[in-house]
């Protein structure tokens, strides 16, 4: 449960959610909504928790990700937040970069199929998870909620192989976003790879995955 709380908090915080960790804990454990935060922020936290619980209850489907499983996770991410389901059919932009994601649903679908084909072909679980979290956020297959969904699917891959999932508990949000932008603009894995390794070590030392 500690992992679920800390991931739900931090994954939401990376996207601008202002819930603090203690308020997140009280929300998840006792259903107590913070009076200082919006209903939107509350729902974002709960959606991350619900998506993680869905992953844990259906561990067998995450070994080799598919577009259908990605869309299932995204439906949890966007639940009651007004985020359109399924692959997007319109353009999206990313703040702070000149990078522009693919335009059409057909291009998006082809890019995801290529990504998942490569992920399925490698036996290195760390590589699968790293390429998943970066690749999905790079393709931006949905109108909104892409990075939240990518972190969830990456963790689903790790958990399906009995590896520690990443909560990103100790990551600096600005550093995370900048590492993503380096990948978008330069296709360099190095800044995000360092974050991934550091966060995996943190998770391996702090969570008992047998009790998730």
N, C-alpha and C. Protein backbone atom coordinates (compact mmCIF):
# COMPACT_ATOMS: atom_id res chain seq x y z
N UNK A 1 0.82 -1.21 0.00
CA UNK A 1 0.00 0.00 0.00
C UNK A 1 0.86 1.27 0.00
N UNK A 2 2.03 1.20 0.64
CA UNK A 2 2.90 2.38 0.65
C UNK A 2 3.27 2.78 -0.77
N UNK A 3 3.59 1.78 -1.60
CA UNK A 3 3.94 2.10 -2.99
C UNK A 3 2.77 2.74 -3.71
N UNK A 4 1.58 2.19 -3.56
CA UNK A 4 0.41 2.74 -4.25
C UNK A 4 0.18 4.19 -3.86
N UNK A 5 0.33 4.50 -2.59
CA UNK A 5 0.15 5.87 -2.11
C UNK A 5 1.20 6.79 -2.71
N UNK A 6 2.45 6.37 -2.65
CA UNK A 6 3.53 7.25 -3.07
C UNK A 6 3.57 7.42 -4.59
N UNK A 7 3.25 6.36 -5.32
CA UNK A 7 3.18 6.50 -6.78
C UNK A 7 2.01 7.40 -7.17
N UNK A 8 0.84 7.17 -6.59
CA UNK A 8 -0.34 7.97 -6.93
C UNK A 8 -0.08 9.46 -6.67
N UNK A 9 0.59 9.74 -5.57
CA UNK A 9 0.94 11.12 -5.22
C UNK A 9 1.93 11.70 -6.22
N UNK A 10 3.05 11.01 -6.42
CA UNK A 10 4.12 11.59 -7.22
C UNK A 10 3.79 11.63 -8.71
N UNK A 11 3.15 10.60 -9.23
CA UNK A 11 2.78 10.60 -10.64
C UNK A 11 1.83 11.75 -10.93
N UNK A 12 0.96 12.05 -9.99
CA UNK A 12 0.05 13.18 -10.15
C UNK A 12 0.78 14.51 -9.97
N UNK A 13 1.71 14.56 -9.03
CA UNK A 13 2.45 15.80 -8.78
C UNK A 13 3.28 16.19 -9.98
N UNK A 14 3.85 15.22 -10.67
CA UNK A 14 4.63 15.51 -11.88
C UNK A 14 3.77 16.26 -12.90
N UNK A 15 2.45 15.99 -12.87
CA UNK A 15 1.53 16.63 -13.81
C UNK A 15 0.90 17.90 -13.23
N UNK A 16 1.42 18.39 -12.11
CA UNK A 16 0.95 19.66 -11.57
C UNK A 16 -0.04 19.56 -10.43
N UNK A 17 -0.37 18.35 -9.98
CA UNK A 17 -1.30 18.17 -8.87
C UNK A 17 -0.65 18.69 -7.58
N UNK A 18 -1.42 19.41 -6.76
CA UNK A 18 -0.85 20.04 -5.56
C UNK A 18 -1.18 19.30 -4.26
N UNK A 19 -1.76 18.13 -4.35
CA UNK A 19 -1.94 17.31 -3.14
C UNK A 19 -0.58 17.04 -2.51
N UNK A 20 -0.49 17.10 -1.17
CA UNK A 20 0.74 16.68 -0.51
C UNK A 20 0.65 15.19 -0.17
N UNK A 21 1.76 14.62 0.25
CA UNK A 21 1.81 13.18 0.47
C UNK A 21 0.89 12.74 1.60
N UNK A 22 0.84 13.51 2.68
CA UNK A 22 0.00 13.14 3.81
C UNK A 22 -1.47 13.17 3.42
N UNK A 23 -1.88 14.18 2.67
CA UNK A 23 -3.27 14.26 2.22
C UNK A 23 -3.61 13.13 1.27
N UNK A 24 -2.63 12.75 0.44
CA UNK A 24 -2.83 11.61 -0.47
C UNK A 24 -3.02 10.33 0.32
N UNK A 25 -2.24 10.16 1.36
CA UNK A 25 -2.37 8.96 2.20
C UNK A 25 -3.75 8.89 2.84
N UNK A 26 -4.22 10.01 3.35
CA UNK A 26 -5.53 10.03 4.01
C UNK A 26 -6.65 9.79 2.99
N UNK A 27 -6.47 10.30 1.79
CA UNK A 27 -7.47 10.07 0.75
C UNK A 27 -7.56 8.60 0.39
N UNK A 28 -6.41 7.98 0.17
CA UNK A 28 -6.40 6.58 -0.28
C UNK A 28 -6.77 5.61 0.84
N UNK A 29 -6.29 5.87 2.03
CA UNK A 29 -6.55 4.93 3.12
C UNK A 29 -7.93 5.11 3.74
N UNK A 30 -8.38 6.36 3.85
CA UNK A 30 -9.61 6.62 4.62
C UNK A 30 -10.70 7.32 3.80
N UNK A 31 -10.42 7.65 2.55
CA UNK A 31 -11.41 8.32 1.72
C UNK A 31 -11.63 9.77 2.10
N UNK A 32 -10.68 10.37 2.82
CA UNK A 32 -10.82 11.76 3.25
C UNK A 32 -10.28 12.71 2.18
N UNK A 33 -11.15 13.49 1.58
CA UNK A 33 -10.73 14.44 0.55
C UNK A 33 -10.12 15.69 1.19
N UNK A 34 -9.06 16.18 0.60
CA UNK A 34 -8.44 17.41 1.07
C UNK A 34 -9.34 18.60 0.76
N UNK A 35 -9.55 19.45 1.74
CA UNK A 35 -10.36 20.65 1.53
C UNK A 35 -9.58 21.75 0.82
N UNK A 36 -8.27 21.58 0.72
CA UNK A 36 -7.42 22.59 0.07
C UNK A 36 -7.24 22.32 -1.41
N UNK A 37 -7.69 21.18 -1.88
CA UNK A 37 -7.47 20.79 -3.27
C UNK A 37 -8.78 20.65 -4.03
N UNK A 38 -8.69 20.69 -5.35
CA UNK A 38 -9.88 20.63 -6.18
C UNK A 38 -10.37 19.20 -6.34
N UNK A 39 -11.61 19.07 -6.78
CA UNK A 39 -12.17 17.74 -7.07
C UNK A 39 -11.38 17.08 -8.21
N UNK A 40 -10.93 17.88 -9.15
CA UNK A 40 -10.13 17.36 -10.26
C UNK A 40 -8.86 16.71 -9.74
N UNK A 41 -8.17 17.38 -8.82
CA UNK A 41 -6.94 16.84 -8.26
C UNK A 41 -7.21 15.57 -7.45
N UNK A 42 -8.30 15.59 -6.70
CA UNK A 42 -8.69 14.41 -5.93
C UNK A 42 -8.92 13.22 -6.85
N UNK A 43 -9.67 13.45 -7.93
CA UNK A 43 -9.97 12.36 -8.86
C UNK A 43 -8.71 11.86 -9.56
N UNK A 44 -7.78 12.76 -9.87
CA UNK A 44 -6.53 12.34 -10.51
C UNK A 44 -5.77 11.35 -9.62
N UNK A 45 -5.70 11.66 -8.33
CA UNK A 45 -5.04 10.76 -7.38
C UNK A 45 -5.75 9.41 -7.34
N UNK A 46 -7.06 9.42 -7.21
CA UNK A 46 -7.83 8.18 -7.13
C UNK A 46 -7.70 7.36 -8.41
N UNK A 47 -7.62 8.02 -9.54
CA UNK A 47 -7.47 7.30 -10.80
C UNK A 47 -6.15 6.56 -10.87
N UNK A 48 -5.09 7.18 -10.37
CA UNK A 48 -3.80 6.49 -10.36
C UNK A 48 -3.85 5.25 -9.46
N UNK A 49 -4.49 5.40 -8.30
CA UNK A 49 -4.65 4.26 -7.39
C UNK A 49 -5.45 3.15 -8.05
N UNK A 50 -6.57 3.52 -8.66
CA UNK A 50 -7.43 2.50 -9.28
C UNK A 50 -6.73 1.79 -10.44
N UNK A 51 -5.95 2.54 -11.19
CA UNK A 51 -5.22 1.93 -12.30
C UNK A 51 -4.17 0.94 -11.79
N UNK A 52 -3.49 1.30 -10.73
CA UNK A 52 -2.50 0.39 -10.14
C UNK A 52 -3.17 -0.88 -9.62
N UNK A 53 -4.30 -0.73 -8.98
CA UNK A 53 -5.01 -1.90 -8.47
C UNK A 53 -5.47 -2.79 -9.62
N UNK A 54 -5.88 -2.18 -10.72
CA UNK A 54 -6.26 -2.95 -11.89
C UNK A 54 -5.06 -3.72 -12.44
N UNK A 55 -3.91 -3.08 -12.49
CA UNK A 55 -2.68 -3.75 -12.94
C UNK A 55 -2.38 -4.97 -12.07
N UNK A 56 -2.42 -4.77 -10.76
CA UNK A 56 -2.05 -5.83 -9.82
C UNK A 56 -3.02 -7.01 -9.89
N UNK A 57 -4.30 -6.73 -10.14
CA UNK A 57 -5.29 -7.80 -10.21
C UNK A 57 -5.26 -8.56 -11.54
N UNK A 58 -4.60 -7.99 -12.54
CA UNK A 58 -4.57 -8.60 -13.88
C UNK A 58 -3.14 -8.71 -14.39
N UNK A 59 -2.28 -9.26 -13.56
CA UNK A 59 -0.84 -9.26 -13.84
C UNK A 59 -0.47 -10.01 -15.12
N UNK A 60 -1.30 -10.97 -15.50
CA UNK A 60 -0.93 -11.84 -16.62
C UNK A 60 -0.96 -11.14 -17.97
N UNK A 61 -1.60 -9.97 -18.07
CA UNK A 61 -1.74 -9.34 -19.39
C UNK A 61 -0.65 -8.33 -19.72
N UNK A 62 0.31 -8.14 -18.80
CA UNK A 62 1.26 -7.05 -18.98
C UNK A 62 2.63 -7.49 -19.49
N UNK A 63 2.88 -8.78 -19.62
CA UNK A 63 4.21 -9.23 -20.03
C UNK A 63 4.62 -8.63 -21.36
N UNK A 64 3.70 -8.65 -22.31
CA UNK A 64 3.94 -8.03 -23.61
C UNK A 64 2.81 -7.05 -23.89
N UNK A 65 3.07 -5.75 -23.76
CA UNK A 65 1.99 -4.76 -23.88
C UNK A 65 1.39 -4.70 -25.27
N UNK A 66 0.14 -4.31 -25.32
CA UNK A 66 -0.60 -4.15 -26.56
C UNK A 66 -1.35 -2.82 -26.52
N UNK A 67 -1.80 -2.37 -27.67
CA UNK A 67 -2.56 -1.12 -27.72
C UNK A 67 -3.82 -1.23 -26.87
N UNK A 68 -4.46 -2.39 -26.90
CA UNK A 68 -5.69 -2.57 -26.12
C UNK A 68 -5.43 -2.42 -24.62
N UNK A 69 -4.31 -2.95 -24.13
CA UNK A 69 -4.00 -2.83 -22.70
C UNK A 69 -3.62 -1.39 -22.35
N UNK A 70 -2.95 -0.71 -23.28
CA UNK A 70 -2.63 0.70 -23.07
C UNK A 70 -3.92 1.53 -22.96
N UNK A 71 -4.87 1.25 -23.83
CA UNK A 71 -6.14 1.99 -23.81
C UNK A 71 -6.93 1.70 -22.53
N UNK A 72 -6.84 0.47 -22.03
CA UNK A 72 -7.51 0.15 -20.77
C UNK A 72 -6.94 0.99 -19.63
N UNK A 73 -5.62 1.08 -19.56
CA UNK A 73 -5.00 1.88 -18.51
C UNK A 73 -5.37 3.35 -18.64
N UNK A 74 -5.37 3.84 -19.88
CA UNK A 74 -5.71 5.24 -20.09
C UNK A 74 -7.15 5.53 -19.68
N UNK A 75 -8.04 4.57 -19.83
CA UNK A 75 -9.42 4.79 -19.41
C UNK A 75 -9.51 5.00 -17.90
N UNK A 76 -8.63 4.36 -17.14
CA UNK A 76 -8.56 4.61 -15.69
C UNK A 76 -7.98 5.98 -15.42
N UNK A 77 -6.94 6.35 -16.14
CA UNK A 77 -6.28 7.64 -15.94
C UNK A 77 -7.26 8.79 -16.17
N UNK A 78 -8.10 8.68 -17.19
CA UNK A 78 -8.99 9.78 -17.54
C UNK A 78 -10.37 9.71 -16.94
N UNK A 79 -10.64 8.71 -16.11
CA UNK A 79 -11.98 8.51 -15.56
C UNK A 79 -12.46 9.76 -14.81
N UNK A 80 -13.62 10.27 -15.20
CA UNK A 80 -14.28 11.42 -14.55
C UNK A 80 -13.47 12.71 -14.63
N UNK A 81 -12.48 12.75 -15.53
CA UNK A 81 -11.68 13.96 -15.70
C UNK A 81 -11.95 14.65 -17.03
N UNK A 82 -12.90 14.13 -17.79
CA UNK A 82 -13.22 14.75 -19.06
C UNK A 82 -12.21 14.50 -20.16
N UNK A 83 -11.39 13.46 -20.01
CA UNK A 83 -10.38 13.13 -21.01
C UNK A 83 -10.95 12.11 -21.98
N UNK A 84 -10.90 12.41 -23.26
CA UNK A 84 -11.43 11.51 -24.28
C UNK A 84 -10.69 10.18 -24.27
N UNK A 85 -11.44 9.10 -24.44
CA UNK A 85 -10.84 7.77 -24.49
C UNK A 85 -10.34 7.45 -25.90
N UNK A 86 -9.57 6.39 -26.00
CA UNK A 86 -9.08 5.85 -27.28
C UNK A 86 -8.03 6.78 -27.91
N UNK A 87 -7.39 6.27 -28.96
CA UNK A 87 -6.31 7.01 -29.61
C UNK A 87 -6.84 8.31 -30.18
N UNK A 88 -6.03 9.35 -30.07
CA UNK A 88 -6.51 10.67 -30.50
C UNK A 88 -6.60 10.77 -32.03
N UNK A 89 -7.47 11.67 -32.44
CA UNK A 89 -7.69 11.93 -33.86
C UNK A 89 -7.36 13.37 -34.22
N UNK A 90 -6.84 14.12 -33.24
CA UNK A 90 -6.49 15.52 -33.45
C UNK A 90 -5.06 15.78 -33.03
N UNK A 91 -4.55 16.95 -33.39
CA UNK A 91 -3.19 17.32 -33.04
C UNK A 91 -3.08 17.66 -31.56
N UNK A 92 -1.90 17.43 -31.00
CA UNK A 92 -1.59 17.90 -29.65
C UNK A 92 -0.23 18.60 -29.69
N UNK A 93 -0.03 19.51 -28.76
CA UNK A 93 1.25 20.18 -28.62
C UNK A 93 1.81 19.92 -27.23
N UNK A 94 3.12 20.06 -27.08
CA UNK A 94 3.77 19.85 -25.79
C UNK A 94 4.44 21.15 -25.38
N UNK A 95 4.08 21.67 -24.22
CA UNK A 95 4.61 22.92 -23.74
C UNK A 95 6.12 22.84 -23.54
N UNK A 96 6.83 23.87 -24.00
CA UNK A 96 8.26 23.96 -23.75
C UNK A 96 9.14 23.31 -24.78
N UNK A 97 8.58 22.86 -25.90
CA UNK A 97 9.40 22.20 -26.91
C UNK A 97 8.80 22.43 -28.30
N UNK A 98 9.66 22.38 -29.31
CA UNK A 98 9.21 22.48 -30.69
C UNK A 98 8.80 21.13 -31.26
N UNK A 99 9.03 20.06 -30.48
CA UNK A 99 8.66 18.72 -30.94
C UNK A 99 7.15 18.63 -31.11
N UNK A 100 6.73 18.06 -32.24
CA UNK A 100 5.31 17.87 -32.50
C UNK A 100 5.04 16.38 -32.72
N UNK A 101 4.19 15.78 -31.90
CA UNK A 101 3.87 14.35 -32.05
C UNK A 101 3.18 14.06 -33.37
N UNK A 102 3.07 12.79 -33.68
CA UNK A 102 2.41 12.34 -34.90
C UNK A 102 0.99 12.90 -34.99
N UNK A 103 0.51 13.07 -36.22
CA UNK A 103 -0.75 13.78 -36.41
C UNK A 103 -1.98 12.87 -36.44
N UNK A 104 -1.90 11.75 -37.15
CA UNK A 104 -3.12 10.97 -37.39
C UNK A 104 -3.19 9.72 -36.52
N UNK A 105 -4.41 9.25 -36.34
CA UNK A 105 -4.63 8.02 -35.56
C UNK A 105 -3.90 6.83 -36.20
N UNK A 106 -3.83 6.80 -37.52
CA UNK A 106 -3.17 5.69 -38.20
C UNK A 106 -1.67 5.70 -37.94
N UNK A 107 -1.06 6.89 -37.96
CA UNK A 107 0.37 7.01 -37.65
C UNK A 107 0.64 6.61 -36.20
N UNK A 108 -0.23 7.04 -35.32
CA UNK A 108 -0.09 6.71 -33.89
C UNK A 108 -0.17 5.21 -33.68
N UNK A 109 -1.16 4.59 -34.29
CA UNK A 109 -1.34 3.14 -34.15
C UNK A 109 -0.11 2.39 -34.68
N UNK A 110 0.40 2.80 -35.84
CA UNK A 110 1.58 2.15 -36.42
C UNK A 110 2.80 2.32 -35.50
N UNK A 111 2.96 3.53 -34.95
CA UNK A 111 4.11 3.79 -34.08
C UNK A 111 4.03 2.96 -32.80
N UNK A 112 2.84 2.83 -32.23
CA UNK A 112 2.67 2.02 -31.03
C UNK A 112 2.93 0.54 -31.32
N UNK A 113 2.46 0.07 -32.44
CA UNK A 113 2.69 -1.33 -32.81
C UNK A 113 4.17 -1.62 -32.98
N UNK A 114 4.90 -0.69 -33.59
CA UNK A 114 6.34 -0.86 -33.73
C UNK A 114 7.04 -0.83 -32.37
N UNK A 115 6.62 0.08 -31.51
CA UNK A 115 7.20 0.17 -30.17
C UNK A 115 6.96 -1.12 -29.40
N UNK A 116 5.73 -1.60 -29.39
CA UNK A 116 5.41 -2.80 -28.62
C UNK A 116 6.04 -4.05 -29.23
N UNK A 117 6.19 -4.06 -30.55
CA UNK A 117 6.87 -5.19 -31.19
C UNK A 117 8.32 -5.26 -30.73
N UNK A 118 8.97 -4.09 -30.66
CA UNK A 118 10.37 -4.09 -30.20
C UNK A 118 10.45 -4.46 -28.72
N UNK A 119 9.55 -3.90 -27.92
CA UNK A 119 9.56 -4.20 -26.49
C UNK A 119 9.37 -5.70 -26.26
N UNK A 120 8.50 -6.31 -27.03
CA UNK A 120 8.25 -7.75 -26.88
C UNK A 120 9.43 -8.60 -27.33
N UNK A 121 10.27 -8.03 -28.19
CA UNK A 121 11.38 -8.81 -28.75
C UNK A 121 12.60 -8.86 -27.83
N UNK A 122 12.69 -7.92 -26.88
CA UNK A 122 13.85 -7.91 -25.99
C UNK A 122 13.55 -8.65 -24.70
N UNK A 123 14.54 -9.33 -24.18
CA UNK A 123 14.36 -10.07 -22.93
C UNK A 123 14.77 -9.26 -21.71
N UNK A 124 15.33 -8.08 -21.94
CA UNK A 124 15.78 -7.23 -20.84
C UNK A 124 14.59 -6.46 -20.27
N UNK A 125 14.18 -6.80 -19.07
CA UNK A 125 12.97 -6.21 -18.48
C UNK A 125 13.15 -4.72 -18.22
N UNK A 126 14.35 -4.33 -17.81
CA UNK A 126 14.60 -2.90 -17.58
C UNK A 126 14.46 -2.12 -18.88
N UNK A 127 14.98 -2.69 -19.96
CA UNK A 127 14.87 -2.04 -21.26
C UNK A 127 13.42 -1.93 -21.69
N UNK A 128 12.65 -2.99 -21.49
CA UNK A 128 11.22 -2.95 -21.81
C UNK A 128 10.53 -1.79 -21.09
N UNK A 129 10.76 -1.69 -19.79
CA UNK A 129 10.09 -0.68 -18.98
C UNK A 129 10.54 0.73 -19.33
N UNK A 130 11.84 0.90 -19.55
CA UNK A 130 12.38 2.21 -19.90
C UNK A 130 11.85 2.69 -21.25
N UNK A 131 11.89 1.80 -22.25
CA UNK A 131 11.41 2.18 -23.57
C UNK A 131 9.91 2.43 -23.57
N UNK A 132 9.20 1.73 -22.72
CA UNK A 132 7.76 1.92 -22.63
C UNK A 132 7.42 3.30 -22.06
N UNK A 133 8.05 3.67 -20.95
CA UNK A 133 7.70 4.94 -20.32
C UNK A 133 8.09 6.12 -21.20
N UNK A 134 9.20 6.00 -21.93
CA UNK A 134 9.60 7.09 -22.81
C UNK A 134 8.87 7.04 -24.15
N UNK A 135 8.74 5.83 -24.70
CA UNK A 135 8.14 5.69 -26.02
C UNK A 135 6.70 6.12 -26.08
N UNK A 136 5.91 5.72 -25.09
CA UNK A 136 4.49 6.09 -25.07
C UNK A 136 4.34 7.60 -24.89
N UNK A 137 5.12 8.18 -24.00
CA UNK A 137 5.01 9.63 -23.80
C UNK A 137 5.50 10.40 -25.03
N UNK A 138 6.44 9.83 -25.78
CA UNK A 138 6.94 10.45 -27.01
C UNK A 138 5.86 10.42 -28.11
N UNK A 139 5.21 9.30 -28.26
CA UNK A 139 4.17 9.16 -29.29
C UNK A 139 2.94 9.99 -28.95
N UNK A 140 2.67 10.19 -27.65
CA UNK A 140 1.50 10.97 -27.22
C UNK A 140 0.21 10.45 -27.87
N UNK A 141 -0.14 9.19 -27.62
CA UNK A 141 -1.29 8.60 -28.33
C UNK A 141 -2.65 9.14 -27.92
N UNK A 142 -2.73 9.85 -26.80
CA UNK A 142 -4.02 10.32 -26.30
C UNK A 142 -4.05 11.85 -26.22
N UNK A 143 -5.24 12.39 -26.12
CA UNK A 143 -5.40 13.84 -26.00
C UNK A 143 -4.72 14.34 -24.73
N UNK A 144 -4.82 13.59 -23.65
CA UNK A 144 -4.24 13.97 -22.36
C UNK A 144 -3.98 12.70 -21.56
N UNK A 145 -3.15 12.82 -20.53
CA UNK A 145 -2.87 11.68 -19.66
C UNK A 145 -1.81 10.74 -20.18
N UNK A 146 -1.02 11.17 -21.15
CA UNK A 146 -0.04 10.28 -21.77
C UNK A 146 1.08 9.85 -20.82
N UNK A 147 1.67 10.81 -20.11
CA UNK A 147 2.79 10.45 -19.23
C UNK A 147 2.32 9.62 -18.04
N UNK A 148 1.15 9.94 -17.51
CA UNK A 148 0.61 9.13 -16.42
C UNK A 148 0.38 7.69 -16.89
N UNK A 149 -0.16 7.54 -18.09
CA UNK A 149 -0.41 6.20 -18.63
C UNK A 149 0.89 5.47 -18.92
N UNK A 150 1.88 6.19 -19.41
CA UNK A 150 3.17 5.54 -19.72
C UNK A 150 3.85 5.04 -18.46
N UNK A 151 3.77 5.81 -17.38
CA UNK A 151 4.38 5.36 -16.12
C UNK A 151 3.66 4.12 -15.59
N UNK A 152 2.35 4.10 -15.72
CA UNK A 152 1.59 2.94 -15.27
C UNK A 152 1.93 1.69 -16.08
N UNK A 153 1.99 1.81 -17.40
CA UNK A 153 2.28 0.64 -18.23
C UNK A 153 3.70 0.15 -18.00
N UNK A 154 4.63 1.06 -17.84
CA UNK A 154 6.01 0.68 -17.54
C UNK A 154 6.07 -0.11 -16.23
N UNK A 155 5.34 0.35 -15.22
CA UNK A 155 5.31 -0.38 -13.95
C UNK A 155 4.61 -1.72 -14.07
N UNK A 156 3.59 -1.78 -14.93
CA UNK A 156 2.90 -3.05 -15.15
C UNK A 156 3.86 -4.09 -15.72
N UNK A 157 4.73 -3.67 -16.63
CA UNK A 157 5.73 -4.58 -17.20
C UNK A 157 6.68 -5.07 -16.11
N UNK A 158 7.15 -4.15 -15.28
CA UNK A 158 8.07 -4.53 -14.20
C UNK A 158 7.39 -5.51 -13.23
N UNK A 159 6.19 -5.19 -12.81
CA UNK A 159 5.49 -6.04 -11.85
C UNK A 159 5.18 -7.42 -12.42
N UNK A 160 4.88 -7.48 -13.71
CA UNK A 160 4.54 -8.77 -14.32
C UNK A 160 5.72 -9.73 -14.31
N UNK A 161 6.91 -9.19 -14.19
CA UNK A 161 8.12 -10.02 -14.14
C UNK A 161 8.71 -10.08 -12.73
N UNK A 162 7.94 -9.61 -11.75
CA UNK A 162 8.35 -9.63 -10.34
C UNK A 162 9.52 -8.70 -10.06
N UNK A 163 9.59 -7.60 -10.81
CA UNK A 163 10.58 -6.56 -10.56
C UNK A 163 9.92 -5.42 -9.79
N UNK A 164 10.74 -4.65 -9.07
CA UNK A 164 10.20 -3.53 -8.30
C UNK A 164 9.66 -2.45 -9.24
N UNK A 165 8.47 -1.92 -8.97
CA UNK A 165 7.93 -0.81 -9.77
C UNK A 165 8.51 0.52 -9.28
N UNK A 166 8.45 1.52 -10.13
CA UNK A 166 9.00 2.83 -9.78
C UNK A 166 7.90 3.75 -9.27
N UNK A 167 8.10 4.32 -8.10
CA UNK A 167 7.13 5.28 -7.56
C UNK A 167 7.52 6.71 -7.95
N UNK A 168 8.78 6.94 -8.34
CA UNK A 168 9.33 8.27 -8.63
C UNK A 168 9.27 9.16 -7.39
N UNK A 169 9.21 8.52 -6.24
CA UNK A 169 9.03 9.21 -4.95
C UNK A 169 10.06 10.32 -4.73
N UNK A 170 11.31 10.08 -5.09
CA UNK A 170 12.37 11.05 -4.79
C UNK A 170 12.81 11.86 -6.00
N UNK A 171 12.08 11.76 -7.11
CA UNK A 171 12.50 12.46 -8.32
C UNK A 171 12.11 13.94 -8.24
N UNK A 172 12.93 14.78 -8.83
CA UNK A 172 12.60 16.19 -8.97
C UNK A 172 11.73 16.35 -10.22
N UNK A 173 10.55 16.95 -10.06
CA UNK A 173 9.61 17.02 -11.18
C UNK A 173 10.20 17.78 -12.38
N UNK A 174 10.92 18.84 -12.11
CA UNK A 174 11.52 19.61 -13.21
C UNK A 174 12.56 18.78 -13.95
N UNK A 175 13.37 18.06 -13.20
CA UNK A 175 14.38 17.19 -13.81
C UNK A 175 13.72 16.11 -14.67
N UNK A 176 12.62 15.56 -14.18
CA UNK A 176 11.88 14.55 -14.93
C UNK A 176 11.41 15.12 -16.27
N UNK A 177 10.78 16.28 -16.22
CA UNK A 177 10.24 16.89 -17.44
C UNK A 177 11.35 17.26 -18.41
N UNK A 178 12.46 17.77 -17.89
CA UNK A 178 13.58 18.14 -18.77
C UNK A 178 14.18 16.91 -19.44
N UNK A 179 14.25 15.80 -18.71
CA UNK A 179 14.78 14.56 -19.30
C UNK A 179 13.87 14.07 -20.42
N UNK A 180 12.56 14.22 -20.24
CA UNK A 180 11.62 13.86 -21.30
C UNK A 180 11.83 14.73 -22.53
N UNK A 181 12.02 16.04 -22.31
CA UNK A 181 12.21 16.95 -23.44
C UNK A 181 13.48 16.64 -24.21
N UNK A 182 14.54 16.24 -23.51
CA UNK A 182 15.78 15.85 -24.19
C UNK A 182 15.52 14.66 -25.10
N UNK A 183 14.73 13.73 -24.62
CA UNK A 183 14.40 12.57 -25.46
C UNK A 183 13.54 12.99 -26.65
N UNK A 184 12.55 13.84 -26.42
CA UNK A 184 11.69 14.28 -27.51
C UNK A 184 12.49 14.99 -28.61
N UNK A 185 13.41 15.86 -28.20
CA UNK A 185 14.09 16.72 -29.16
C UNK A 185 15.37 16.11 -29.73
N UNK A 186 16.06 15.29 -28.93
CA UNK A 186 17.36 14.77 -29.35
C UNK A 186 17.40 13.25 -29.45
N UNK A 187 16.31 12.60 -29.04
CA UNK A 187 16.25 11.14 -28.99
C UNK A 187 17.38 10.54 -28.16
N UNK A 188 17.77 11.28 -27.13
CA UNK A 188 18.81 10.80 -26.21
C UNK A 188 18.16 10.21 -24.97
N UNK A 189 18.53 8.97 -24.66
CA UNK A 189 17.99 8.28 -23.49
C UNK A 189 18.69 8.66 -22.19
N UNK A 190 19.88 9.21 -22.29
CA UNK A 190 20.77 9.29 -21.12
C UNK A 190 20.19 10.01 -19.91
N UNK A 191 19.64 11.23 -20.04
CA UNK A 191 19.11 11.89 -18.82
C UNK A 191 18.00 11.09 -18.16
N UNK A 192 17.07 10.56 -18.96
CA UNK A 192 15.98 9.80 -18.35
C UNK A 192 16.46 8.46 -17.84
N UNK A 193 17.42 7.86 -18.53
CA UNK A 193 17.96 6.57 -18.08
C UNK A 193 18.55 6.69 -16.68
N UNK A 194 19.22 7.82 -16.40
CA UNK A 194 19.78 8.04 -15.07
C UNK A 194 18.66 8.13 -14.03
N UNK A 195 17.59 8.86 -14.36
CA UNK A 195 16.45 8.94 -13.45
C UNK A 195 15.87 7.55 -13.21
N UNK A 196 15.71 6.80 -14.28
CA UNK A 196 15.12 5.46 -14.18
C UNK A 196 15.96 4.57 -13.25
N UNK A 197 17.26 4.57 -13.44
CA UNK A 197 18.14 3.73 -12.61
C UNK A 197 18.07 4.16 -11.15
N UNK A 198 18.17 5.47 -10.91
CA UNK A 198 18.13 5.98 -9.53
C UNK A 198 16.80 5.63 -8.86
N UNK A 199 15.71 5.77 -9.59
CA UNK A 199 14.40 5.48 -9.01
C UNK A 199 14.17 3.99 -8.82
N UNK A 200 14.75 3.19 -9.70
CA UNK A 200 14.62 1.74 -9.50
C UNK A 200 15.36 1.32 -8.23
N UNK A 201 16.56 1.84 -8.04
CA UNK A 201 17.32 1.52 -6.82
C UNK A 201 16.54 1.94 -5.59
N UNK A 202 15.95 3.15 -5.64
CA UNK A 202 15.13 3.63 -4.52
C UNK A 202 13.98 2.67 -4.25
N UNK A 203 13.27 2.28 -5.31
CA UNK A 203 12.12 1.40 -5.14
C UNK A 203 12.50 0.03 -4.61
N UNK A 204 13.60 -0.54 -5.16
CA UNK A 204 14.05 -1.85 -4.74
C UNK A 204 14.42 -1.87 -3.26
N UNK A 205 14.89 -0.71 -2.76
CA UNK A 205 15.31 -0.62 -1.37
C UNK A 205 14.18 -0.25 -0.41
N UNK A 206 13.04 0.20 -0.96
CA UNK A 206 12.02 0.76 -0.08
C UNK A 206 10.66 0.07 -0.14
N UNK A 207 10.41 -0.78 -1.13
CA UNK A 207 9.11 -1.40 -1.24
C UNK A 207 9.21 -2.92 -1.25
N UNK A 208 8.27 -3.55 -0.60
CA UNK A 208 8.16 -5.00 -0.62
C UNK A 208 7.06 -5.35 -1.61
N UNK A 209 7.45 -5.75 -2.83
CA UNK A 209 6.46 -5.94 -3.88
C UNK A 209 5.52 -7.11 -3.57
N UNK A 210 5.94 -7.99 -2.68
CA UNK A 210 5.09 -9.12 -2.33
C UNK A 210 3.83 -8.65 -1.59
N UNK A 211 3.88 -7.43 -1.02
CA UNK A 211 2.76 -6.92 -0.25
C UNK A 211 1.97 -5.83 -0.96
N UNK A 212 2.19 -5.66 -2.25
CA UNK A 212 1.45 -4.63 -2.98
C UNK A 212 -0.02 -5.00 -3.07
